[in-house]
Amino acid sequence: MKQPKAKVLIIRCGRLGDTVGTTSIVKPIEEYYKNNVSIDWVTKPQIKDLFKYDVAINPLFIRYTSLPLLFSIGKMKIIFKSFFSPYDAVINLEESNPFDSFVRLVQSKFKVGRPYTPTFLADEHTIDHQLRVLKTNFNGINFKNAFPYVVGSNINVQEKFGLNKEFIVLCPTVYHFKKKNYRTHKAWPLGHWRQLIDLVLSKTNLHIVISGEGSSNTFIEQLGPFNDRVINLSGKTSLPDFVEILKKSSCTITNCSGSLHVASACCKKVIALHGPTNHKVTGGYPSKTNNVIVVSENLPCSPCFTTSRHKQCPQNVCMQNISPLTVFQHIIACPEKPSLSKQAPQTITDAKDHIETNTLVA
């Protein structure tokens, strides 16, 4: 007689990068229950496409997470249903308290995470923390396959987007473009992206795909004009299609953003630009199939994100000091070395000679 499926509720209702990171617990949970488990996931409707093709996850959408419990219809529905069909496990991996009362009321055999488990250790990656939380109640759970993953649309990117040549992906996330406040400090300067594009086009045979949300279009258009080797797909792809593009790329260059975590889950090579953020805690998670390269100036004041130093910082020199030359050198370095033209610089000095004679002003 077939055993009924175990029921697990995961609560991770944050932004895209947070949610992608938490997918690292899915495979271990499936293996723990011998692939006989149904997983509900409390998340935000803004990132519903993340689970569009993921048959392992049943997303439950909560739009307003901070509403008092009695006013949250979505939360109350889950609680009410659990009284008639309790969960086998509730896993709350939120970092703050909006779901604490909810977790206390949901019916389950056992519960892990907030409000029952200690907070982060210093310099502990969020994914390692989540795995440690899981281990507190799932005795003997196997973390061999505990890596973030994303499920794409399985489209043919050559047919849909004309990507017939070897290409890299640039994700110039802008963070409140033109707003003069500390939240823009994770962004790499416009002029640096221009110089990197110029180097790649002049010194390699690579094509370039530029990606971003529709809200980034104003910023990204300023990177142009583009020639026929640059494909601007900003605001033109769904998340599942974006995953397929990343999987086919030679490498992806991005700052600390949701794109970084998506790329780390499906790209062969990721170049991550870090300034105010702590890559040891929120960086791309290394796996058996990726190569995450951290580029940082490691200034004495870094990392500062979410601290008083960050809010008082007048200028993000930690990002401005990351040279396009350094990033370019990582692009052409092994592993996953892309195609180079006959004129490709083989040293950083060669690249510097080129960029100094083709300086682009931001």
Protein backbone atom coordinates (compact mmCIF):
# COMPACT_ATOMS: atom_id res chain seq x y z
CA MET A 1 0.00 0.00 0.00
CA LYS A 2 1.38 3.38 -1.02
CA GLN A 3 2.19 5.69 1.87
CA PRO A 4 0.49 9.13 1.87
CA LYS A 5 2.76 12.00 0.96
CA ALA A 6 4.41 13.94 3.74
CA LYS A 7 3.46 17.63 3.84
CA VAL A 8 6.05 20.36 4.37
CA LEU A 9 5.51 24.12 4.56
CA ILE A 10 8.47 26.40 3.72
CA ILE A 11 8.24 30.08 4.60
CA ARG A 12 10.65 32.32 2.69
CA CYS A 13 8.76 35.36 1.56
CA GLY A 14 11.56 37.71 0.56
CA ARG A 15 13.04 39.02 -2.65
CA LEU A 16 14.20 36.98 -5.61
CA GLY A 17 17.74 36.35 -4.38
CA ASP A 18 16.56 35.29 -0.91
CA THR A 19 14.08 32.85 -2.39
CA VAL A 20 16.51 31.33 -4.87
CA GLY A 21 18.98 30.72 -2.06
CA THR A 22 16.39 28.85 -0.03
CA THR A 23 15.79 26.35 -2.85
CA SER A 24 18.98 24.71 -1.57
CA ILE A 25 16.86 22.87 1.03
CA VAL A 26 14.42 21.35 -1.47
CA LYS A 27 16.49 18.39 -2.69
CA PRO A 28 17.54 17.36 0.85
CA ILE A 29 13.89 17.46 1.96
CA GLU A 30 12.79 15.36 -1.01
CA GLU A 31 15.49 12.79 -0.25
CA TYR A 32 14.65 12.81 3.47
CA TYR A 33 11.05 11.84 2.69
CA LYS A 34 12.17 9.41 -0.05
CA ASN A 35 10.68 11.61 -2.78
CA ASN A 36 7.20 11.16 -1.29
CA VAL A 37 6.56 14.71 -0.14
CA SER A 38 4.37 17.66 -1.06
CA ILE A 39 6.02 21.06 -0.51
CA ASP A 40 4.01 24.25 -0.01
CA TRP A 41 6.03 27.47 -0.17
CA VAL A 42 4.87 30.83 1.22
CA THR A 43 6.24 33.51 -1.09
CA LYS A 44 5.42 36.82 -2.75
CA PRO A 45 3.40 37.05 -5.99
CA GLN A 46 6.05 39.33 -7.49
CA ILE A 47 8.35 36.34 -8.00
CA LYS A 48 5.72 33.77 -8.98
CA ASP A 49 7.59 32.98 -12.23
CA LEU A 50 10.41 31.44 -10.21
CA PHE A 51 8.22 28.39 -9.54
CA LYS A 52 6.29 28.39 -12.82
CA TYR A 53 7.97 25.23 -14.14
CA ASP A 54 9.01 23.73 -10.79
CA VAL A 55 6.80 20.67 -10.22
CA ALA A 56 8.30 20.15 -6.74
CA ILE A 57 6.85 23.38 -5.33
CA ASN A 58 3.28 24.54 -4.70
CA PRO A 59 3.57 28.32 -4.15
CA LEU A 60 1.21 30.03 -1.68
CA PHE A 61 1.23 33.77 -2.29
CA ILE A 62 1.14 36.37 0.49
CA ARG A 63 1.12 39.92 -0.87
CA TYR A 64 1.34 41.96 2.35
CA THR A 65 3.58 40.16 4.82
CA SER A 66 3.48 42.79 7.58
CA LEU A 67 -0.30 42.92 8.00
CA PRO A 68 -1.50 41.85 11.46
CA LEU A 69 -2.33 38.16 11.37
CA LEU A 70 -6.12 38.60 11.70
CA PHE A 71 -6.13 40.91 8.66
CA SER A 72 -4.09 38.58 6.44
CA ILE A 73 -6.55 36.39 4.56
CA GLY A 74 -3.75 34.37 2.99
CA LYS A 75 -2.13 33.50 6.31
CA MET A 76 -5.46 32.71 7.97
CA LYS A 77 -6.42 30.34 5.14
CA ILE A 78 -3.22 28.34 5.61
CA ILE A 79 -3.73 28.17 9.39
CA PHE A 80 -7.38 27.10 9.04
CA LYS A 81 -6.53 24.40 6.50
CA SER A 82 -3.74 23.05 8.72
CA PHE A 83 -6.24 22.22 11.49
CA PHE A 84 -7.90 19.70 9.16
CA SER A 85 -4.73 18.58 7.39
CA PRO A 86 -1.65 19.25 9.57
CA TYR A 87 1.81 19.57 8.13
CA ASP A 88 4.56 17.11 8.92
CA ALA A 89 7.02 20.00 9.15
CA VAL A 90 6.97 23.80 9.06
CA ILE A 91 10.25 25.49 8.13
CA ASN A 92 10.35 29.26 8.68
CA LEU A 93 13.51 30.76 7.19
CA GLU A 94 12.49 34.40 7.43
CA GLU A 95 15.09 36.67 9.03
CA SER A 96 12.58 38.94 10.79
CA ASN A 97 9.32 38.49 12.68
CA PRO A 98 6.33 38.98 10.30
CA PHE A 99 5.59 35.23 10.31
CA ASP A 100 6.35 34.39 13.97
CA SER A 101 2.73 34.43 15.15
CA PHE A 102 1.64 32.61 12.01
CA VAL A 103 4.15 29.82 12.64
CA ARG A 104 2.96 29.38 16.22
CA LEU A 105 -0.61 28.77 15.03
CA VAL A 106 -0.03 26.55 11.98
CA GLN A 107 -0.59 22.91 12.92
CA SER A 108 2.41 20.66 12.34
CA LYS A 109 4.24 17.70 13.87
CA PHE A 110 7.30 19.90 14.33
CA LYS A 111 8.56 23.35 13.43
CA VAL A 112 12.03 24.76 12.74
CA GLY A 113 13.36 28.26 12.14
CA ARG A 114 11.91 31.42 13.61
CA PRO A 115 10.88 31.92 16.35
CA TYR A 116 12.58 28.77 17.65
CA THR A 117 16.10 28.80 16.19
CA PRO A 118 19.05 31.16 16.92
CA THR A 119 20.00 33.87 14.44
CA PHE A 120 23.02 34.03 12.15
CA LEU A 121 26.62 33.52 13.16
CA ALA A 122 29.16 36.11 11.99
CA ASP A 123 30.25 35.62 8.37
CA GLU A 124 27.98 32.60 7.95
CA HIS A 125 26.46 32.36 4.50
CA THR A 126 22.66 32.57 4.62
CA ILE A 127 22.40 29.21 2.86
CA ASP A 128 24.73 27.53 5.34
CA HIS A 129 22.62 29.03 8.12
CA GLN A 130 19.45 27.62 6.60
CA LEU A 131 20.98 24.17 6.30
CA ARG A 132 22.07 24.36 9.92
CA VAL A 133 18.49 25.29 10.90
CA LEU A 134 17.19 22.30 8.97
CA LYS A 135 19.61 19.95 10.69
CA THR A 136 18.21 20.79 14.14
CA ASN A 137 15.10 18.65 13.54
CA PHE A 138 15.75 16.58 10.43
CA ASN A 139 18.06 13.99 11.96
CA GLY A 140 20.27 12.29 9.39
CA ILE A 141 19.30 14.62 6.55
CA ASN A 142 21.76 14.50 3.64
CA PHE A 143 23.14 17.80 2.33
CA LYS A 144 25.10 16.30 -0.58
CA ASN A 145 22.75 17.96 -3.09
CA ALA A 146 22.03 21.07 -1.02
CA PHE A 147 22.54 23.75 -3.67
CA PRO A 148 20.24 26.46 -5.02
CA TYR A 149 18.52 25.61 -8.27
CA VAL A 150 16.15 27.26 -10.73
CA VAL A 151 13.89 25.67 -13.33
CA GLY A 152 13.80 27.38 -16.72
CA SER A 153 11.31 27.33 -19.55
CA ASN A 154 13.34 24.90 -21.69
CA ILE A 155 13.07 27.20 -24.70
CA ASN A 156 15.57 27.25 -27.57
CA VAL A 157 17.39 30.57 -27.03
CA GLN A 158 18.85 30.44 -30.52
CA GLU A 159 15.40 30.39 -32.09
CA LYS A 160 13.65 32.79 -29.71
CA PHE A 161 16.37 35.39 -29.19
CA GLY A 162 18.77 34.75 -32.08
CA LEU A 163 21.64 33.81 -29.77
CA ASN A 164 23.62 31.76 -32.27
CA LYS A 165 27.12 32.86 -31.22
CA GLU A 166 29.07 32.48 -28.00
CA PHE A 167 27.91 35.18 -25.59
CA ILE A 168 28.24 36.57 -22.10
CA VAL A 169 25.50 38.21 -20.01
CA LEU A 170 25.75 41.59 -18.30
CA CYS A 171 23.28 42.41 -15.50
CA PRO A 172 23.82 46.11 -14.68
CA THR A 173 21.29 46.35 -11.86
CA VAL A 174 20.89 50.04 -11.05
CA TYR A 175 19.19 50.32 -7.62
CA HIS A 176 17.01 53.41 -7.69
CA PHE A 177 18.70 55.03 -10.68
CA LYS A 178 19.33 58.79 -10.24
CA LYS A 179 18.35 58.73 -6.56
CA LYS A 180 21.14 60.16 -4.43
CA ASN A 181 20.94 57.86 -1.44
CA TYR A 182 22.90 55.01 0.08
CA ARG A 183 20.77 52.33 -1.57
CA THR A 184 22.48 53.04 -4.90
CA HIS A 185 25.83 51.97 -3.46
CA LYS A 186 25.65 48.40 -4.74
CA ALA A 187 25.64 49.67 -8.33
CA TRP A 188 28.69 49.66 -10.59
CA PRO A 189 29.15 53.02 -12.41
CA LEU A 190 27.66 53.51 -15.86
CA GLY A 191 31.03 54.41 -17.35
CA HIS A 192 32.58 51.19 -16.07
CA TRP A 193 29.91 49.09 -17.80
CA ARG A 194 30.56 51.06 -21.03
CA GLN A 195 34.29 50.42 -20.81
CA LEU A 196 33.76 46.73 -20.17
CA ILE A 197 31.45 46.48 -23.20
CA ASP A 198 34.04 48.27 -25.34
CA LEU A 199 36.79 45.90 -24.22
CA VAL A 200 34.73 42.77 -24.88
CA LEU A 201 33.68 43.94 -28.34
CA SER A 202 37.16 45.14 -29.34
CA LYS A 203 39.23 42.32 -27.91
CA THR A 204 37.11 39.17 -28.17
CA ASN A 205 34.71 37.47 -30.55
CA LEU A 206 32.01 37.35 -27.90
CA HIS A 207 28.49 38.65 -28.25
CA ILE A 208 26.92 40.44 -25.28
CA VAL A 209 23.43 40.03 -23.85
CA ILE A 210 22.31 42.82 -21.55
CA SER A 211 19.57 41.89 -19.12
CA GLY A 212 17.52 43.73 -16.54
CA GLU A 213 14.02 44.58 -15.40
CA GLY A 214 11.91 47.00 -17.39
CA SER A 215 12.57 49.65 -14.74
CA SER A 216 16.26 49.55 -15.73
CA ASN A 217 15.66 50.54 -19.35
CA THR A 218 16.51 54.23 -18.89
CA PHE A 219 19.87 53.33 -17.39
CA ILE A 220 20.67 50.55 -19.85
CA GLU A 221 19.85 52.67 -22.90
CA GLN A 222 22.65 55.01 -21.81
CA LEU A 223 25.14 52.18 -22.31
CA GLY A 224 24.53 52.42 -26.06
CA PRO A 225 24.50 52.91 -28.93
CA PHE A 226 24.92 49.18 -29.45
CA ASN A 227 26.26 47.36 -32.47
CA ASP A 228 24.89 44.07 -33.80
CA ARG A 229 26.95 42.02 -31.32
CA VAL A 230 25.07 43.51 -28.36
CA ILE A 231 21.56 42.21 -27.70
CA ASN A 232 19.57 44.34 -25.28
CA LEU A 233 16.96 42.10 -23.64
CA SER A 234 16.24 44.37 -20.69
CA GLY A 235 12.57 44.02 -19.77
CA LYS A 236 12.00 41.60 -22.67
CA THR A 237 12.36 38.20 -21.01
CA SER A 238 10.45 36.27 -18.40
CA LEU A 239 12.42 34.85 -15.48
CA PRO A 240 12.21 31.24 -16.82
CA ASP A 241 13.48 32.41 -20.23
CA PHE A 242 16.25 34.39 -18.52
CA VAL A 243 17.34 31.17 -16.80
CA GLU A 244 17.73 29.44 -20.17
CA ILE A 245 19.82 32.35 -21.47
CA LEU A 246 22.09 32.17 -18.44
CA LYS A 247 22.54 28.42 -18.84
CA LYS A 248 23.79 28.89 -22.40
CA SER A 249 26.13 31.81 -21.63
CA SER A 250 29.90 31.58 -21.21
CA CYS A 251 29.71 33.73 -18.09
CA THR A 252 27.59 36.33 -16.35
CA ILE A 253 28.76 39.61 -14.80
CA THR A 254 26.57 41.14 -12.11
CA ASN A 255 26.65 43.07 -8.89
CA CYS A 256 25.04 41.83 -5.67
CA SER A 257 21.42 41.38 -6.73
CA GLY A 258 18.74 38.82 -7.47
CA SER A 259 20.43 38.21 -10.82
CA LEU A 260 23.58 37.11 -9.00
CA HIS A 261 21.73 34.35 -7.17
CA VAL A 262 19.82 33.19 -10.24
CA ALA A 263 23.07 33.11 -12.23
CA SER A 264 24.92 31.24 -9.48
CA ALA A 265 22.20 28.58 -9.57
CA CYS A 266 22.46 27.88 -13.30
CA CYS A 267 25.58 29.48 -14.86
CA LYS A 268 28.93 27.81 -15.44
CA LYS A 269 30.83 30.97 -14.51
CA VAL A 270 29.70 34.05 -12.56
CA ILE A 271 31.69 37.22 -11.92
CA ALA A 272 30.18 38.93 -8.87
CA LEU A 273 30.99 42.58 -8.09
CA HIS A 274 30.83 43.32 -4.36
CA GLY A 275 31.31 46.60 -2.52
CA PRO A 276 29.10 47.34 0.49
CA THR A 277 27.74 43.79 0.73
CA ASN A 278 29.42 40.86 2.46
CA HIS A 279 29.98 38.12 -0.12
CA LYS A 280 30.65 35.65 2.69
CA VAL A 281 27.02 36.06 3.80
CA THR A 282 25.01 37.09 0.72
CA GLY A 283 27.26 36.20 -2.21
CA GLY A 284 26.61 33.67 -4.95
CA TYR A 285 26.72 30.16 -3.51
CA PRO A 286 29.41 27.89 -5.01
CA SER A 287 28.31 24.46 -6.21
CA LYS A 288 29.64 21.44 -8.10
CA THR A 289 28.60 22.96 -11.42
CA ASN A 290 29.47 26.66 -11.15
CA ASN A 291 32.49 28.91 -10.70
CA VAL A 292 31.63 32.02 -8.68
CA ILE A 293 34.39 34.64 -8.87
CA VAL A 294 34.17 37.43 -6.29
CA VAL A 295 35.59 40.79 -7.37
CA SER A 296 35.99 43.24 -4.48
CA GLU A 297 38.37 45.97 -3.44
CA ASN A 298 38.13 44.75 0.18
CA LEU A 299 38.37 48.27 1.54
CA PRO A 300 38.74 48.70 5.31
CA CYS A 301 35.20 50.13 5.48
CA SER A 302 33.68 47.17 3.61
CA PRO A 303 31.35 45.45 4.04
CA CYS A 304 29.01 48.08 5.45
CA PHE A 305 25.57 47.19 4.04
CA THR A 306 22.69 47.81 6.52
CA THR A 307 25.08 49.45 9.01
CA SER A 308 25.21 53.11 10.05
CA ARG A 309 28.43 53.48 8.03
CA HIS A 310 26.54 52.55 4.89
CA LYS A 311 23.81 55.11 5.44
CA GLN A 312 26.38 57.83 6.06
CA CYS A 313 28.67 56.93 3.14
CA PRO A 314 28.93 59.90 0.73
CA GLN A 315 30.31 57.90 -2.22
CA ASN A 316 30.57 54.20 -3.05
CA VAL A 317 34.31 54.13 -3.75
CA CYS A 318 34.20 50.38 -3.03
CA MET A 319 32.33 49.89 -6.32
CA GLN A 320 33.90 52.77 -8.25
CA ASN A 321 37.38 51.39 -7.61
CA ILE A 322 36.57 48.04 -9.22
CA SER A 323 38.26 48.41 -12.58
CA PRO A 324 36.71 47.26 -15.87
CA LEU A 325 40.18 45.91 -16.65
CA THR A 326 40.05 43.58 -13.69
CA VAL A 327 36.59 42.33 -14.63
CA PHE A 328 37.64 41.82 -18.24
CA GLN A 329 40.64 39.77 -17.16
CA HIS A 330 38.30 37.45 -15.26
CA ILE A 331 36.11 37.10 -18.36
CA ILE A 332 38.96 35.85 -20.53
CA ALA A 333 40.54 33.69 -17.82
CA CYS A 334 39.96 29.96 -17.48
CA PRO A 335 37.90 28.00 -16.64
CA GLU A 336 35.16 28.48 -19.22
CA LYS A 337 37.49 30.68 -21.24
CA PRO A 338 35.48 32.39 -24.01
CA SER A 339 36.53 32.83 -27.61
CA LEU A 340 39.18 35.47 -28.10
CA SER A 341 39.91 37.48 -31.20
CA LYS A 342 43.42 37.63 -32.66
CA GLN A 343 43.81 41.05 -31.03
CA ALA A 344 42.67 39.91 -27.59
CA PRO A 345 44.85 41.19 -24.74
CA GLN A 346 46.51 38.33 -22.94
CA THR A 347 47.56 40.44 -19.95
CA ILE A 348 45.93 43.18 -17.90
CA THR A 349 48.58 45.60 -19.20
CA ASP A 350 47.48 44.97 -22.80
CA ALA A 351 43.88 45.61 -21.82
CA LYS A 352 44.87 48.79 -19.98
CA ASP A 353 46.67 50.10 -23.08
CA HIS A 354 43.48 49.59 -25.06
CA ILE A 355 41.13 51.20 -22.59
CA GLU A 356 43.35 54.22 -21.99
CA THR A 357 43.22 55.02 -25.69
CA ASN A 358 39.46 54.42 -25.89
CA THR A 359 38.30 56.09 -22.69
CA LEU A 360 34.57 56.54 -22.34
CA VAL A 361 33.31 59.15 -19.92
CA ALA A 362 30.33 58.30 -17.71
